[in-house]
Amino acid sequence: MIIYEVNLFVKLDIEAAFRAWLDAHVREIIALPGFTGASVLDRIEPAGAPDEFVVCTQYRLTDAAALETYLRDHAPRMRSDGVSRFGDAFRAERRVLSAGAEY
């Protein structure tokens, strides 16, 4: 299993609109082949800047090939949608994890 994590640093003045968009965005992504689910988490620590909130979205995928397909075929379009709607009122940091031990 692969975890694709996206941490979003979002200006407070767009919070309601951003959260509504994010809900639809996540649902669109997890409908793609290879995705098995996602979690959207509000990050408490470390906190964002005083004028922002931070959301951590963790997508679960079957394998690295599914992630590569997403990054190649879907990510550019989906990322540009967020930028066209919200411009520089948010930024994203991404990382990829592979499953180790589960207890």
C-alpha atoms as a PDB file:
ATOM      1  CA  MET A   1       0.000   0.000   0.000  1.00  0.00           C
ATOM      2  CA  ILE A   2       1.085   3.544  -0.777  1.00  0.00           C
ATOM      3  CA  ILE A   3       0.053   6.666   1.121  1.00  0.00           C
ATOM      4  CA  TYR A   4       0.090   9.889  -0.872  1.00  0.00           C
ATOM      5  CA  GLU A   5      -0.039  12.749   1.617  1.00  0.00           C
ATOM      6  CA  VAL A   6      -0.861  16.345   0.760  1.00  0.00           C
ATOM      7  CA  ASN A   7      -0.558  19.032   3.434  1.00  0.00           C
ATOM      8  CA  LEU A   8      -2.516  22.155   2.530  1.00  0.00           C
ATOM      9  CA  PHE A   9      -1.780  25.531   4.105  1.00  0.00           C
ATOM     10  CA  VAL A  10      -4.885  27.636   3.523  1.00  0.00           C
ATOM     11  CA  LYS A  11      -5.704  31.281   4.310  1.00  0.00           C
ATOM     12  CA  LEU A  12      -8.501  31.565   6.859  1.00  0.00           C
ATOM     13  CA  ASP A  13     -10.524  33.968   4.718  1.00  0.00           C
ATOM     14  CA  ILE A  14     -11.242  31.242   2.134  1.00  0.00           C
ATOM     15  CA  GLU A  15     -11.832  28.400   4.609  1.00  0.00           C
ATOM     16  CA  ALA A  16     -15.507  27.665   3.836  1.00  0.00           C
ATOM     17  CA  ALA A  17     -15.060  27.730   0.060  1.00  0.00           C
ATOM     18  CA  PHE A  18     -11.834  25.743   0.236  1.00  0.00           C
ATOM     19  CA  ARG A  19     -13.296  23.013   2.452  1.00  0.00           C
ATOM     20  CA  ALA A  20     -16.301  22.642   0.120  1.00  0.00           C
ATOM     21  CA  TRP A  21     -14.000  22.375  -2.898  1.00  0.00           C
ATOM     22  CA  LEU A  22     -11.670  19.940  -1.086  1.00  0.00           C
ATOM     23  CA  ASP A  23     -14.538  17.581  -0.286  1.00  0.00           C
ATOM     24  CA  ALA A  24     -15.472  17.305  -3.967  1.00  0.00           C
ATOM     25  CA  HIS A  25     -11.792  17.138  -4.985  1.00  0.00           C
ATOM     26  CA  VAL A  26     -11.043  14.213  -2.658  1.00  0.00           C
ATOM     27  CA  ARG A  27     -14.166  12.345  -3.802  1.00  0.00           C
ATOM     28  CA  GLU A  28     -13.090  12.780  -7.434  1.00  0.00           C
ATOM     29  CA  ILE A  29      -9.608  11.466  -6.700  1.00  0.00           C
ATOM     30  CA  ILE A  30     -10.673   8.376  -4.748  1.00  0.00           C
ATOM     31  CA  ALA A  31     -12.981   7.390  -7.609  1.00  0.00           C
ATOM     32  CA  LEU A  32      -9.896   6.927  -9.820  1.00  0.00           C
ATOM     33  CA  PRO A  33      -8.451   3.437 -10.380  1.00  0.00           C
ATOM     34  CA  GLY A  34      -5.967   2.355  -7.728  1.00  0.00           C
ATOM     35  CA  PHE A  35      -7.267   4.574  -4.923  1.00  0.00           C
ATOM     36  CA  THR A  36      -8.778   2.720  -1.991  1.00  0.00           C
ATOM     37  CA  GLY A  37      -9.766   5.650   0.243  1.00  0.00           C
ATOM     38  CA  ALA A  38      -8.636   8.849   1.899  1.00  0.00           C
ATOM     39  CA  SER A  39      -8.598  10.678   5.220  1.00  0.00           C
ATOM     40  CA  VAL A  40      -8.833  14.439   5.618  1.00  0.00           C
ATOM     41  CA  LEU A  41      -7.328  15.579   8.902  1.00  0.00           C
ATOM     42  CA  ASP A  42      -7.059  19.006  10.488  1.00  0.00           C
ATOM     43  CA  ARG A  43      -3.457  19.455  11.561  1.00  0.00           C
ATOM     44  CA  ILE A  44      -3.118  20.665  15.137  1.00  0.00           C
ATOM     45  CA  GLU A  45       0.661  20.585  15.649  1.00  0.00           C
ATOM     46  CA  PRO A  46       2.672  22.104  14.250  1.00  0.00           C
ATOM     47  CA  ALA A  47       0.106  24.818  13.711  1.00  0.00           C
ATOM     48  CA  GLY A  48       0.052  26.964  10.623  1.00  0.00           C
ATOM     49  CA  ALA A  49       0.649  30.685  10.541  1.00  0.00           C
ATOM     50  CA  PRO A  50      -1.821  32.849  12.492  1.00  0.00           C
ATOM     51  CA  ASP A  51      -3.789  33.617   9.293  1.00  0.00           C
ATOM     52  CA  GLU A  52      -4.050  30.029   8.017  1.00  0.00           C
ATOM     53  CA  PHE A  53      -5.271  26.545   8.834  1.00  0.00           C
ATOM     54  CA  VAL A  54      -3.575  23.316   7.794  1.00  0.00           C
ATOM     55  CA  VAL A  55      -5.273  20.229   6.397  1.00  0.00           C
ATOM     56  CA  CYS A  56      -3.493  16.909   5.892  1.00  0.00           C
ATOM     57  CA  THR A  57      -5.078  14.687   3.253  1.00  0.00           C
ATOM     58  CA  GLN A  58      -3.842  11.099   3.116  1.00  0.00           C
ATOM     59  CA  TYR A  59      -4.810   9.087   0.047  1.00  0.00           C
ATOM     60  CA  ARG A  60      -4.453   5.298   0.125  1.00  0.00           C
ATOM     61  CA  LEU A  61      -3.450   3.548  -3.093  1.00  0.00           C
ATOM     62  CA  THR A  62      -2.945  -0.067  -4.030  1.00  0.00           C
ATOM     63  CA  ASP A  63       0.620   0.392  -5.272  1.00  0.00           C
ATOM     64  CA  ALA A  64       3.240   2.738  -6.709  1.00  0.00           C
ATOM     65  CA  ALA A  65       2.027   2.131 -10.262  1.00  0.00           C
ATOM     66  CA  ALA A  66      -1.392   3.554  -9.364  1.00  0.00           C
ATOM     67  CA  LEU A  67       0.266   6.661  -7.940  1.00  0.00           C
ATOM     68  CA  GLU A  68       2.412   7.078 -11.049  1.00  0.00           C
ATOM     69  CA  THR A  69      -0.696   6.858 -13.234  1.00  0.00           C
ATOM     70  CA  TYR A  70      -2.426   9.492 -11.129  1.00  0.00           C
ATOM     71  CA  LEU A  71       0.583  11.821 -11.173  1.00  0.00           C
ATOM     72  CA  ARG A  72       1.004  11.465 -14.929  1.00  0.00           C
ATOM     73  CA  ASP A  73      -2.615  11.426 -16.141  1.00  0.00           C
ATOM     74  CA  HIS A  74      -4.687  13.341 -13.580  1.00  0.00           C
ATOM     75  CA  ALA A  75      -2.630  15.431 -11.143  1.00  0.00           C
ATOM     76  CA  PRO A  76      -1.753  18.318 -13.495  1.00  0.00           C
ATOM     77  CA  ARG A  77      -5.422  18.997 -14.282  1.00  0.00           C
ATOM     78  CA  MET A  78      -6.596  18.557 -10.708  1.00  0.00           C
ATOM     79  CA  ARG A  79      -3.845  20.747  -9.258  1.00  0.00           C
ATOM     80  CA  SER A  80      -4.516  23.518 -11.763  1.00  0.00           C
ATOM     81  CA  ASP A  81      -8.193  23.505 -10.779  1.00  0.00           C
ATOM     82  CA  GLY A  82      -7.292  24.426  -7.198  1.00  0.00           C
ATOM     83  CA  VAL A  83      -4.860  27.109  -8.326  1.00  0.00           C
ATOM     84  CA  SER A  84      -7.377  28.627 -10.753  1.00  0.00           C
ATOM     85  CA  ARG A  85     -10.001  28.814  -7.986  1.00  0.00           C
ATOM     86  CA  PHE A  86      -7.852  29.970  -5.065  1.00  0.00           C
ATOM     87  CA  GLY A  87      -4.621  31.327  -6.549  1.00  0.00           C
ATOM     88  CA  ASP A  88      -1.949  31.925  -3.955  1.00  0.00           C
ATOM     89  CA  ALA A  89      -4.366  31.749  -0.987  1.00  0.00           C
ATOM     90  CA  PHE A  90      -3.085  28.222  -0.341  1.00  0.00           C
ATOM     91  CA  ARG A  91       0.002  26.119  -0.850  1.00  0.00           C
ATOM     92  CA  ALA A  92       0.609  22.381  -0.842  1.00  0.00           C
ATOM     93  CA  GLU A  93       3.408  20.121   0.342  1.00  0.00           C
ATOM     94  CA  ARG A  94       3.406  16.492  -0.728  1.00  0.00           C
ATOM     95  CA  ARG A  95       5.086  13.273   0.330  1.00  0.00           C
ATOM     96  CA  VAL A  96       4.773   9.585  -0.504  1.00  0.00           C
ATOM     97  CA  LEU A  97       4.933   6.793   2.061  1.00  0.00           C
ATOM     98  CA  SER A  98       4.891   3.050   1.708  1.00  0.00           C
ATOM     99  CA  ALA A  99       3.254   0.849   4.291  1.00  0.00           C
ATOM    100  CA  GLY A 100       5.546  -0.676   6.873  1.00  0.00           C
ATOM    101  CA  ALA A 101       4.307  -2.633   9.851  1.00  0.00           C
ATOM    102  CA  GLU A 102       0.781  -2.304  11.183  1.00  0.00           C
ATOM    103  CA  TYR A 103      -0.118  -3.245  14.726  1.00  0.00           C
END
